[in-house]
Amino acid sequence: MNWRLFRVVGLIGFALAALIALLLVRKTSAHKTVVRAYFSDAMNLRAGAPVRLAGVEIGSVESVRARPEQKDAPAEVVLVLTPSYELKIPNDSTASLASAGILGPTYVEIDVTSTSGPPIGAAAVLRTTATHQLNAQEALEKLQEILRRKCDCDSGKSDGANTPVPKNTSKKPSKQ
């Protein structure tokens, strides 16, 4: 009899746990929105990359594929926005590609500054802005410039922006 009671209680507990899990999954996906963006260069963007708005992750990249028939912007990016709260992104927002640091992975940044349109709907297409990708030569030039400035500052030279403060070289007579 104890086994029968144990099975019934276990079955009821399992059913309740499954129901709670279903409600939680359904609630988190209630704010799911799928939008597209078309870029001239995908800059090595990968499926699964984060989508951010004001530095807050609000979704991920579902797919990146080439669409040669889109002459000006042949890289189609499908974004799945899944914030845990209602988020009304204006339809005149822009999407751009950015990288986490110099060598970091590429992600999508949605910019809502200077927007005033109604919220985007499902299957919306976001406008995109061109993103300058730093190539290896430009990165080396920037690094050389930073190092040159650092060395000039350490040696006491001035480049106009970082004027070193002279050390106090006056000697006071010592008392003996």
N, C-alpha and C. Protein backbone atom coordinates (compact mmCIF):
# COMPACT_ATOMS: atom_id res chain seq x y z
N MET A 1 0.82 -1.19 0.00
CA MET A 1 0.00 0.00 0.00
C MET A 1 0.86 1.26 0.00
N ASN A 2 1.98 1.23 0.71
CA ASN A 2 2.87 2.38 0.74
C ASN A 2 3.43 2.68 -0.65
N TRP A 3 3.75 1.64 -1.42
CA TRP A 3 4.28 1.85 -2.76
C TRP A 3 3.24 2.50 -3.66
N ARG A 4 2.00 2.08 -3.51
CA ARG A 4 0.93 2.64 -4.35
C ARG A 4 0.75 4.13 -4.01
N LEU A 5 0.76 4.48 -2.76
CA LEU A 5 0.65 5.87 -2.34
C LEU A 5 1.85 6.68 -2.82
N PHE A 6 3.01 6.11 -2.70
CA PHE A 6 4.24 6.76 -3.16
C PHE A 6 4.17 7.06 -4.66
N ARG A 7 3.68 6.09 -5.45
CA ARG A 7 3.56 6.28 -6.90
C ARG A 7 2.56 7.39 -7.23
N VAL A 8 1.42 7.40 -6.56
CA VAL A 8 0.40 8.41 -6.82
C VAL A 8 0.93 9.80 -6.49
N VAL A 9 1.56 9.95 -5.34
CA VAL A 9 2.13 11.24 -4.95
C VAL A 9 3.23 11.65 -5.92
N GLY A 10 4.06 10.72 -6.33
CA GLY A 10 5.12 11.00 -7.30
C GLY A 10 4.57 11.44 -8.64
N LEU A 11 3.51 10.78 -9.10
CA LEU A 11 2.89 11.13 -10.37
C LEU A 11 2.27 12.53 -10.31
N ILE A 12 1.60 12.84 -9.21
CA ILE A 12 1.00 14.17 -9.05
C ILE A 12 2.10 15.22 -8.97
N GLY A 13 3.18 14.94 -8.25
CA GLY A 13 4.31 15.88 -8.16
C GLY A 13 4.96 16.12 -9.50
N PHE A 14 5.14 15.06 -10.28
CA PHE A 14 5.72 15.19 -11.62
C PHE A 14 4.82 16.04 -12.52
N ALA A 15 3.52 15.82 -12.47
CA ALA A 15 2.58 16.58 -13.29
C ALA A 15 2.60 18.06 -12.90
N LEU A 16 2.65 18.36 -11.62
CA LEU A 16 2.73 19.75 -11.17
C LEU A 16 4.03 20.41 -11.61
N ALA A 17 5.14 19.69 -11.49
CA ALA A 17 6.43 20.24 -11.92
C ALA A 17 6.43 20.51 -13.42
N ALA A 18 5.86 19.62 -14.21
CA ALA A 18 5.79 19.81 -15.66
C ALA A 18 4.91 21.02 -15.99
N LEU A 19 3.81 21.19 -15.30
CA LEU A 19 2.92 22.32 -15.52
C LEU A 19 3.61 23.64 -15.17
N ILE A 20 4.32 23.68 -14.07
CA ILE A 20 5.05 24.89 -13.67
C ILE A 20 6.14 25.21 -14.68
N ALA A 21 6.88 24.20 -15.13
CA ALA A 21 7.93 24.41 -16.14
C ALA A 21 7.33 24.94 -17.43
N LEU A 22 6.20 24.41 -17.85
CA LEU A 22 5.54 24.87 -19.07
C LEU A 22 5.11 26.32 -18.94
N LEU A 23 4.57 26.69 -17.81
CA LEU A 23 4.15 28.08 -17.59
C LEU A 23 5.34 29.03 -17.58
N LEU A 24 6.46 28.62 -16.98
CA LEU A 24 7.65 29.47 -16.96
C LEU A 24 8.23 29.65 -18.35
N VAL A 25 8.30 28.59 -19.13
CA VAL A 25 8.82 28.68 -20.49
C VAL A 25 7.91 29.54 -21.34
N ARG A 26 6.63 29.37 -21.19
CA ARG A 26 5.67 30.16 -21.97
C ARG A 26 5.75 31.64 -21.60
N LYS A 27 5.95 31.93 -20.33
CA LYS A 27 6.02 33.32 -19.89
C LYS A 27 7.28 34.00 -20.42
N THR A 28 8.44 33.32 -20.41
CA THR A 28 9.67 33.93 -20.89
C THR A 28 9.66 34.13 -22.40
N SER A 29 8.93 33.30 -23.13
CA SER A 29 8.89 33.46 -24.57
C SER A 29 7.74 34.36 -25.01
N ALA A 30 6.99 34.92 -24.09
CA ALA A 30 5.86 35.78 -24.43
C ALA A 30 6.32 37.06 -25.10
N HIS A 31 7.54 37.50 -24.85
CA HIS A 31 8.06 38.74 -25.42
C HIS A 31 9.03 38.48 -26.57
N LYS A 32 8.88 37.35 -27.24
CA LYS A 32 9.77 36.99 -28.34
C LYS A 32 9.37 37.73 -29.61
N THR A 33 10.35 38.37 -30.24
CA THR A 33 10.14 39.08 -31.49
C THR A 33 11.26 38.71 -32.46
N VAL A 34 10.90 38.38 -33.69
CA VAL A 34 11.89 38.05 -34.71
C VAL A 34 11.94 39.20 -35.71
N VAL A 35 13.13 39.75 -35.91
CA VAL A 35 13.32 40.84 -36.87
C VAL A 35 14.52 40.52 -37.76
N ARG A 36 14.62 41.24 -38.85
CA ARG A 36 15.73 41.05 -39.79
C ARG A 36 16.49 42.36 -39.96
N ALA A 37 17.74 42.22 -40.33
CA ALA A 37 18.58 43.37 -40.66
C ALA A 37 19.47 42.94 -41.81
N TYR A 38 19.74 43.86 -42.73
CA TYR A 38 20.56 43.57 -43.90
C TYR A 38 21.80 44.45 -43.87
N PHE A 39 22.98 43.82 -43.91
CA PHE A 39 24.25 44.52 -43.85
C PHE A 39 25.03 44.32 -45.14
N SER A 40 25.92 45.27 -45.45
CA SER A 40 26.78 45.09 -46.62
C SER A 40 27.91 44.10 -46.32
N ASP A 41 28.28 43.97 -45.05
CA ASP A 41 29.33 43.04 -44.64
C ASP A 41 28.96 42.50 -43.26
N ALA A 42 28.92 41.19 -43.11
CA ALA A 42 28.54 40.57 -41.84
C ALA A 42 29.67 40.56 -40.82
N MET A 43 30.87 40.96 -41.22
CA MET A 43 32.02 41.07 -40.30
C MET A 43 32.21 39.85 -39.40
N ASN A 44 32.06 38.66 -39.99
CA ASN A 44 32.27 37.41 -39.28
C ASN A 44 31.26 37.18 -38.15
N LEU A 45 30.07 37.74 -38.28
CA LEU A 45 29.00 37.53 -37.31
C LEU A 45 28.54 36.09 -37.38
N ARG A 46 28.27 35.48 -36.26
CA ARG A 46 27.87 34.07 -36.19
C ARG A 46 26.50 33.93 -35.54
N ALA A 47 25.81 32.85 -35.89
CA ALA A 47 24.55 32.52 -35.22
C ALA A 47 24.85 32.30 -33.74
N GLY A 48 23.98 32.79 -32.89
CA GLY A 48 24.17 32.68 -31.45
C GLY A 48 24.82 33.90 -30.83
N ALA A 49 25.32 34.82 -31.66
CA ALA A 49 25.95 36.04 -31.14
C ALA A 49 24.89 36.88 -30.43
N PRO A 50 25.28 37.64 -29.42
CA PRO A 50 24.30 38.44 -28.68
C PRO A 50 23.78 39.63 -29.48
N VAL A 51 22.57 40.04 -29.14
CA VAL A 51 21.97 41.28 -29.64
C VAL A 51 21.82 42.16 -28.42
N ARG A 52 22.35 43.39 -28.50
CA ARG A 52 22.33 44.29 -27.35
C ARG A 52 21.63 45.59 -27.68
N LEU A 53 21.02 46.17 -26.67
CA LEU A 53 20.42 47.49 -26.77
C LEU A 53 20.92 48.25 -25.55
N ALA A 54 21.62 49.33 -25.75
CA ALA A 54 22.20 50.13 -24.68
C ALA A 54 23.10 49.27 -23.77
N GLY A 55 23.80 48.31 -24.37
CA GLY A 55 24.71 47.45 -23.61
C GLY A 55 24.04 46.32 -22.87
N VAL A 56 22.72 46.18 -23.00
CA VAL A 56 21.97 45.12 -22.33
C VAL A 56 21.62 44.05 -23.35
N GLU A 57 21.94 42.80 -23.04
CA GLU A 57 21.65 41.72 -23.97
C GLU A 57 20.15 41.45 -23.97
N ILE A 58 19.55 41.54 -25.17
CA ILE A 58 18.09 41.36 -25.28
C ILE A 58 17.71 40.23 -26.23
N GLY A 59 18.68 39.53 -26.75
CA GLY A 59 18.38 38.44 -27.66
C GLY A 59 19.63 37.88 -28.28
N SER A 60 19.45 37.18 -29.40
CA SER A 60 20.59 36.57 -30.07
C SER A 60 20.36 36.51 -31.58
N VAL A 61 21.42 36.26 -32.29
CA VAL A 61 21.36 36.12 -33.74
C VAL A 61 20.94 34.69 -34.05
N GLU A 62 19.86 34.55 -34.77
CA GLU A 62 19.39 33.21 -35.14
C GLU A 62 20.13 32.66 -36.34
N SER A 63 20.33 33.53 -37.35
CA SER A 63 21.03 33.06 -38.55
C SER A 63 21.68 34.23 -39.28
N VAL A 64 22.72 33.90 -40.02
CA VAL A 64 23.41 34.86 -40.89
C VAL A 64 23.58 34.15 -42.22
N ARG A 65 23.09 34.79 -43.29
CA ARG A 65 23.25 34.14 -44.59
C ARG A 65 23.42 35.18 -45.68
N ALA A 66 24.07 34.75 -46.76
CA ALA A 66 24.30 35.62 -47.90
C ALA A 66 23.06 35.63 -48.79
N ARG A 67 22.67 36.81 -49.20
CA ARG A 67 21.53 36.99 -50.12
C ARG A 67 22.02 37.86 -51.27
N PRO A 68 22.66 37.27 -52.30
CA PRO A 68 23.25 38.06 -53.39
C PRO A 68 22.25 38.91 -54.15
N GLU A 69 20.96 38.54 -54.11
CA GLU A 69 19.96 39.34 -54.81
C GLU A 69 19.77 40.71 -54.14
N GLN A 70 20.18 40.84 -52.88
CA GLN A 70 20.15 42.12 -52.17
C GLN A 70 21.48 42.82 -52.47
N LYS A 71 21.57 43.51 -53.56
CA LYS A 71 22.84 44.05 -54.06
C LYS A 71 23.56 44.96 -53.05
N ASP A 72 22.85 45.90 -52.43
CA ASP A 72 23.50 46.86 -51.53
C ASP A 72 23.82 46.26 -50.16
N ALA A 73 23.02 45.31 -49.71
CA ALA A 73 23.23 44.72 -48.38
C ALA A 73 22.94 43.23 -48.46
N PRO A 74 23.89 42.44 -48.95
CA PRO A 74 23.64 41.02 -49.19
C PRO A 74 23.74 40.11 -47.97
N ALA A 75 24.07 40.63 -46.81
CA ALA A 75 24.18 39.79 -45.61
C ALA A 75 22.90 39.93 -44.79
N GLU A 76 22.08 38.89 -44.80
CA GLU A 76 20.81 38.89 -44.04
C GLU A 76 21.05 38.32 -42.65
N VAL A 77 20.65 39.07 -41.64
CA VAL A 77 20.81 38.63 -40.25
C VAL A 77 19.43 38.56 -39.62
N VAL A 78 19.08 37.39 -39.10
CA VAL A 78 17.80 37.20 -38.42
C VAL A 78 18.07 37.28 -36.92
N LEU A 79 17.37 38.22 -36.26
CA LEU A 79 17.55 38.46 -34.83
C LEU A 79 16.33 37.96 -34.07
N VAL A 80 16.56 37.26 -32.97
CA VAL A 80 15.47 36.84 -32.10
C VAL A 80 15.62 37.62 -30.80
N LEU A 81 14.69 38.52 -30.56
CA LEU A 81 14.71 39.35 -29.35
C LEU A 81 13.83 38.68 -28.30
N THR A 82 14.44 38.35 -27.16
CA THR A 82 13.72 37.63 -26.11
C THR A 82 13.93 38.26 -24.74
N PRO A 83 13.59 39.52 -24.57
CA PRO A 83 13.75 40.10 -23.23
C PRO A 83 12.73 39.48 -22.28
N SER A 84 13.03 39.48 -21.01
CA SER A 84 12.12 38.90 -20.02
C SER A 84 11.03 39.88 -19.62
N TYR A 85 10.99 41.01 -20.28
CA TYR A 85 10.00 42.05 -19.99
C TYR A 85 9.55 42.66 -21.31
N GLU A 86 8.46 43.42 -21.29
CA GLU A 86 7.98 44.05 -22.51
C GLU A 86 8.94 45.15 -22.91
N LEU A 87 9.37 45.10 -24.16
CA LEU A 87 10.35 46.05 -24.66
C LEU A 87 9.84 46.59 -25.99
N LYS A 88 9.57 47.89 -26.02
CA LYS A 88 9.03 48.52 -27.22
C LYS A 88 10.14 49.24 -27.96
N ILE A 89 10.71 48.56 -28.93
CA ILE A 89 11.79 49.13 -29.73
C ILE A 89 11.16 49.89 -30.89
N PRO A 90 11.47 51.17 -31.04
CA PRO A 90 10.88 51.95 -32.14
C PRO A 90 11.27 51.37 -33.50
N ASN A 91 10.35 51.47 -34.47
CA ASN A 91 10.62 50.88 -35.79
C ASN A 91 11.64 51.67 -36.60
N ASP A 92 12.02 52.86 -36.15
CA ASP A 92 13.06 53.60 -36.85
C ASP A 92 14.43 53.48 -36.16
N SER A 93 14.58 52.45 -35.32
CA SER A 93 15.87 52.15 -34.69
C SER A 93 16.83 51.61 -35.74
N THR A 94 18.11 51.68 -35.43
CA THR A 94 19.12 51.16 -36.37
C THR A 94 19.93 50.06 -35.70
N ALA A 95 20.36 49.13 -36.52
CA ALA A 95 21.21 48.04 -36.05
C ALA A 95 22.59 48.23 -36.66
N SER A 96 23.60 47.94 -35.87
CA SER A 96 24.98 48.00 -36.36
C SER A 96 25.74 46.82 -35.77
N LEU A 97 26.86 46.53 -36.39
CA LEU A 97 27.71 45.45 -35.91
C LEU A 97 28.86 46.05 -35.11
N ALA A 98 29.19 45.41 -34.02
CA ALA A 98 30.29 45.87 -33.17
C ALA A 98 31.06 44.64 -32.71
N SER A 99 32.25 44.88 -32.19
CA SER A 99 33.02 43.76 -31.66
C SER A 99 33.41 44.06 -30.22
N ALA A 100 33.50 43.01 -29.45
CA ALA A 100 33.87 43.13 -28.05
C ALA A 100 35.38 43.27 -27.98
N GLY A 101 35.88 44.48 -27.97
CA GLY A 101 37.31 44.72 -27.96
C GLY A 101 37.89 44.60 -29.36
N ILE A 102 39.21 44.63 -29.46
CA ILE A 102 39.87 44.58 -30.76
C ILE A 102 39.71 43.20 -31.40
N LEU A 103 39.87 42.16 -30.64
CA LEU A 103 39.83 40.81 -31.20
C LEU A 103 38.61 40.03 -30.77
N GLY A 104 37.66 40.68 -30.11
CA GLY A 104 36.50 39.99 -29.58
C GLY A 104 35.50 39.60 -30.66
N PRO A 105 34.52 38.79 -30.28
CA PRO A 105 33.51 38.36 -31.25
C PRO A 105 32.59 39.51 -31.65
N THR A 106 31.98 39.38 -32.82
CA THR A 106 31.08 40.39 -33.35
C THR A 106 29.68 40.17 -32.77
N TYR A 107 28.99 41.26 -32.47
CA TYR A 107 27.61 41.19 -31.98
C TYR A 107 26.81 42.30 -32.64
N VAL A 108 25.49 42.28 -32.47
CA VAL A 108 24.60 43.29 -33.05
C VAL A 108 24.20 44.26 -31.95
N GLU A 109 24.32 45.56 -32.23
CA GLU A 109 23.93 46.62 -31.30
C GLU A 109 22.76 47.36 -31.93
N ILE A 110 21.66 47.49 -31.20
CA ILE A 110 20.51 48.24 -31.67
C ILE A 110 20.55 49.62 -31.01
N ASP A 111 20.46 50.65 -31.84
CA ASP A 111 20.54 52.03 -31.36
C ASP A 111 19.15 52.66 -31.44
N VAL A 112 18.65 53.15 -30.30
CA VAL A 112 17.33 53.78 -30.25
C VAL A 112 17.40 55.28 -30.01
N THR A 113 18.61 55.84 -29.98
CA THR A 113 18.73 57.28 -29.77
C THR A 113 18.16 57.99 -31.00
N SER A 114 17.51 59.08 -30.79
CA SER A 114 16.91 59.89 -31.86
C SER A 114 15.82 59.13 -32.62
N THR A 115 15.09 58.26 -31.95
CA THR A 115 14.00 57.54 -32.60
C THR A 115 12.67 58.01 -32.03
N SER A 116 11.61 57.87 -32.82
CA SER A 116 10.30 58.30 -32.33
C SER A 116 9.17 57.49 -32.95
N GLY A 117 9.48 56.45 -33.68
CA GLY A 117 8.46 55.67 -34.37
C GLY A 117 7.71 54.74 -33.45
N PRO A 118 6.66 54.13 -33.97
CA PRO A 118 5.91 53.14 -33.19
C PRO A 118 6.76 51.89 -32.98
N PRO A 119 6.39 51.04 -32.03
CA PRO A 119 7.18 49.82 -31.76
C PRO A 119 7.22 48.88 -32.96
N ILE A 120 8.34 48.16 -33.08
CA ILE A 120 8.48 47.18 -34.15
C ILE A 120 7.53 46.03 -33.90
N GLY A 121 7.15 45.37 -34.97
CA GLY A 121 6.32 44.19 -34.87
C GLY A 121 7.10 42.98 -35.34
N ALA A 122 6.43 41.85 -35.34
CA ALA A 122 7.06 40.62 -35.82
C ALA A 122 7.37 40.78 -37.31
N ALA A 123 8.45 40.21 -37.75
CA ALA A 123 8.92 40.24 -39.15
C ALA A 123 9.31 41.65 -39.60
N ALA A 124 9.66 42.52 -38.69
CA ALA A 124 10.11 43.87 -39.04
C ALA A 124 11.53 43.80 -39.59
N VAL A 125 11.90 44.82 -40.33
CA VAL A 125 13.26 44.94 -40.85
C VAL A 125 13.87 46.21 -40.28
N LEU A 126 14.96 46.06 -39.55
CA LEU A 126 15.64 47.21 -38.95
C LEU A 126 16.57 47.85 -39.97
N ARG A 127 16.65 49.16 -39.94
CA ARG A 127 17.64 49.86 -40.74
C ARG A 127 19.01 49.55 -40.17
N THR A 128 20.03 49.64 -41.00
CA THR A 128 21.38 49.35 -40.53
C THR A 128 22.29 50.52 -40.83
N THR A 129 23.35 50.62 -40.06
CA THR A 129 24.38 51.62 -40.31
C THR A 129 25.67 50.90 -40.62
N ALA A 130 26.43 51.49 -41.50
CA ALA A 130 27.72 50.88 -41.88
C ALA A 130 28.66 50.94 -40.69
N THR A 131 29.41 49.89 -40.52
CA THR A 131 30.37 49.81 -39.43
C THR A 131 31.76 49.67 -40.04
N HIS A 132 32.67 50.53 -39.60
CA HIS A 132 34.04 50.44 -40.08
C HIS A 132 34.76 49.33 -39.34
N GLN A 133 35.28 48.38 -40.08
CA GLN A 133 36.02 47.28 -39.48
C GLN A 133 37.50 47.62 -39.51
N LEU A 134 38.12 47.58 -38.36
CA LEU A 134 39.53 47.89 -38.23
C LEU A 134 40.34 46.72 -38.79
N ASN A 135 41.14 46.99 -39.82
CA ASN A 135 41.95 45.90 -40.37
C ASN A 135 43.27 45.81 -39.59
N ALA A 136 44.06 44.80 -39.90
CA ALA A 136 45.29 44.55 -39.15
C ALA A 136 46.27 45.72 -39.26
N GLN A 137 46.39 46.31 -40.45
CA GLN A 137 47.32 47.43 -40.65
C GLN A 137 46.90 48.62 -39.79
N GLU A 138 45.60 48.95 -39.79
CA GLU A 138 45.12 50.08 -38.98
C GLU A 138 45.32 49.81 -37.49
N ALA A 139 45.10 48.57 -37.07
CA ALA A 139 45.29 48.23 -35.66
C ALA A 139 46.75 48.40 -35.26
N LEU A 140 47.68 47.97 -36.12
CA LEU A 140 49.10 48.14 -35.82
C LEU A 140 49.48 49.62 -35.76
N GLU A 141 48.95 50.42 -36.67
CA GLU A 141 49.24 51.86 -36.66
C GLU A 141 48.73 52.51 -35.39
N LYS A 142 47.53 52.13 -34.95
CA LYS A 142 46.98 52.69 -33.71
C LYS A 142 47.85 52.29 -32.52
N LEU A 143 48.27 51.04 -32.48
CA LEU A 143 49.11 50.55 -31.40
C LEU A 143 50.45 51.29 -31.39
N GLN A 144 51.04 51.50 -32.56
CA GLN A 144 52.30 52.24 -32.64
C GLN A 144 52.13 53.67 -32.13
N GLU A 145 51.01 54.28 -32.49
CA GLU A 145 50.75 55.65 -32.03
C GLU A 145 50.61 55.72 -30.51
N ILE A 146 49.92 54.75 -29.94
CA ILE A 146 49.76 54.70 -28.48
C ILE A 146 51.11 54.51 -27.81
N LEU A 147 51.91 53.58 -28.33
CA LEU A 147 53.23 53.34 -27.75
C LEU A 147 54.14 54.55 -27.89
N ARG A 148 54.07 55.23 -29.04
CA ARG A 148 54.89 56.43 -29.25
C ARG A 148 54.53 57.50 -28.22
N ARG A 149 53.23 57.70 -28.01
CA ARG A 149 52.80 58.69 -27.02
C ARG A 149 53.26 58.31 -25.61
N LYS A 150 53.18 57.05 -25.29
CA LYS A 150 53.60 56.58 -23.97
C LYS A 150 55.10 56.79 -23.79
N CYS A 151 55.88 56.45 -24.80
CA CYS A 151 57.34 56.61 -24.70
C CYS A 151 57.71 58.09 -24.62
N ASP A 152 57.05 58.95 -25.41
CA ASP A 152 57.32 60.39 -25.35
C ASP A 152 57.00 60.95 -23.98
N CYS A 153 55.94 60.48 -23.38
CA CYS A 153 55.54 60.97 -22.05
C CYS A 153 56.54 60.53 -20.99
N ASP A 154 56.99 59.27 -21.10
CA ASP A 154 57.94 58.75 -20.12
C ASP A 154 59.30 59.42 -20.22
N SER A 155 59.69 59.86 -21.43
CA SER A 155 61.01 60.46 -21.59
C SER A 155 61.01 61.95 -21.27
N GLY A 156 59.83 62.50 -20.98
CA GLY A 156 59.76 63.91 -20.62
C GLY A 156 59.45 64.80 -21.78
N LYS A 157 59.30 64.24 -22.99
CA LYS A 157 58.92 65.03 -24.16
C LYS A 157 57.44 65.35 -24.06
N SER A 158 57.05 66.40 -24.75
CA SER A 158 55.65 66.78 -24.73
C SER A 158 55.09 66.76 -26.13
N ASP A 159 53.88 66.21 -26.29
CA ASP A 159 53.22 66.24 -27.59
C ASP A 159 52.11 67.28 -27.61
N GLY A 160 52.06 68.14 -26.61
CA GLY A 160 51.06 69.19 -26.56
C GLY A 160 49.86 68.80 -25.72
N ALA A 161 49.46 67.54 -25.77
CA ALA A 161 48.27 67.12 -25.04
C ALA A 161 48.64 66.71 -23.62
N ASN A 162 49.74 66.03 -23.47
CA ASN A 162 50.14 65.54 -22.16
C ASN A 162 51.44 66.23 -21.75
N THR A 163 51.33 67.41 -21.24
CA THR A 163 52.52 68.14 -20.84
C THR A 163 52.96 67.65 -19.47
N PRO A 164 54.19 67.10 -19.39
CA PRO A 164 54.64 66.60 -18.09
C PRO A 164 54.93 67.76 -17.15
N VAL A 165 54.70 67.54 -15.89
CA VAL A 165 54.97 68.54 -14.86
C VAL A 165 56.42 68.38 -14.44
N PRO A 166 57.21 69.47 -14.50
CA PRO A 166 58.63 69.34 -14.12
C PRO A 166 58.76 69.01 -12.64
N LYS A 167 59.78 68.23 -12.34
CA LYS A 167 60.03 67.87 -10.95
C LYS A 167 60.70 69.03 -10.24
N ASN A 168 60.48 69.12 -8.96
CA ASN A 168 61.08 70.17 -8.14
C ASN A 168 62.54 69.81 -7.95
N THR A 169 63.43 70.60 -8.59
CA THR A 169 64.85 70.29 -8.54
C THR A 169 65.62 71.21 -7.58
N SER A 170 64.91 72.12 -6.93
CA SER A 170 65.62 73.00 -5.99
C SER A 170 66.03 72.22 -4.76
N LYS A 171 67.25 72.44 -4.36
CA LYS A 171 67.79 71.74 -3.20
C LYS A 171 67.82 72.68 -2.01
N LYS A 172 67.35 72.23 -0.92
CA LYS A 172 67.41 73.02 0.31
C LYS A 172 68.69 72.60 1.03
N PRO A 173 69.32 73.57 1.66
CA PRO A 173 70.54 73.20 2.40
C PRO A 173 70.19 72.24 3.51
N SER A 174 71.00 71.24 3.66
CA SER A 174 70.75 70.27 4.72
C SER A 174 71.42 70.73 6.00
N LYS A 175 70.77 70.48 7.09
CA LYS A 175 71.30 70.85 8.40
C LYS A 175 72.10 69.69 8.94
N GLN A 176 73.26 70.02 9.47
CA GLN A 176 74.08 68.97 10.02
C GLN A 176 74.30 69.14 11.48
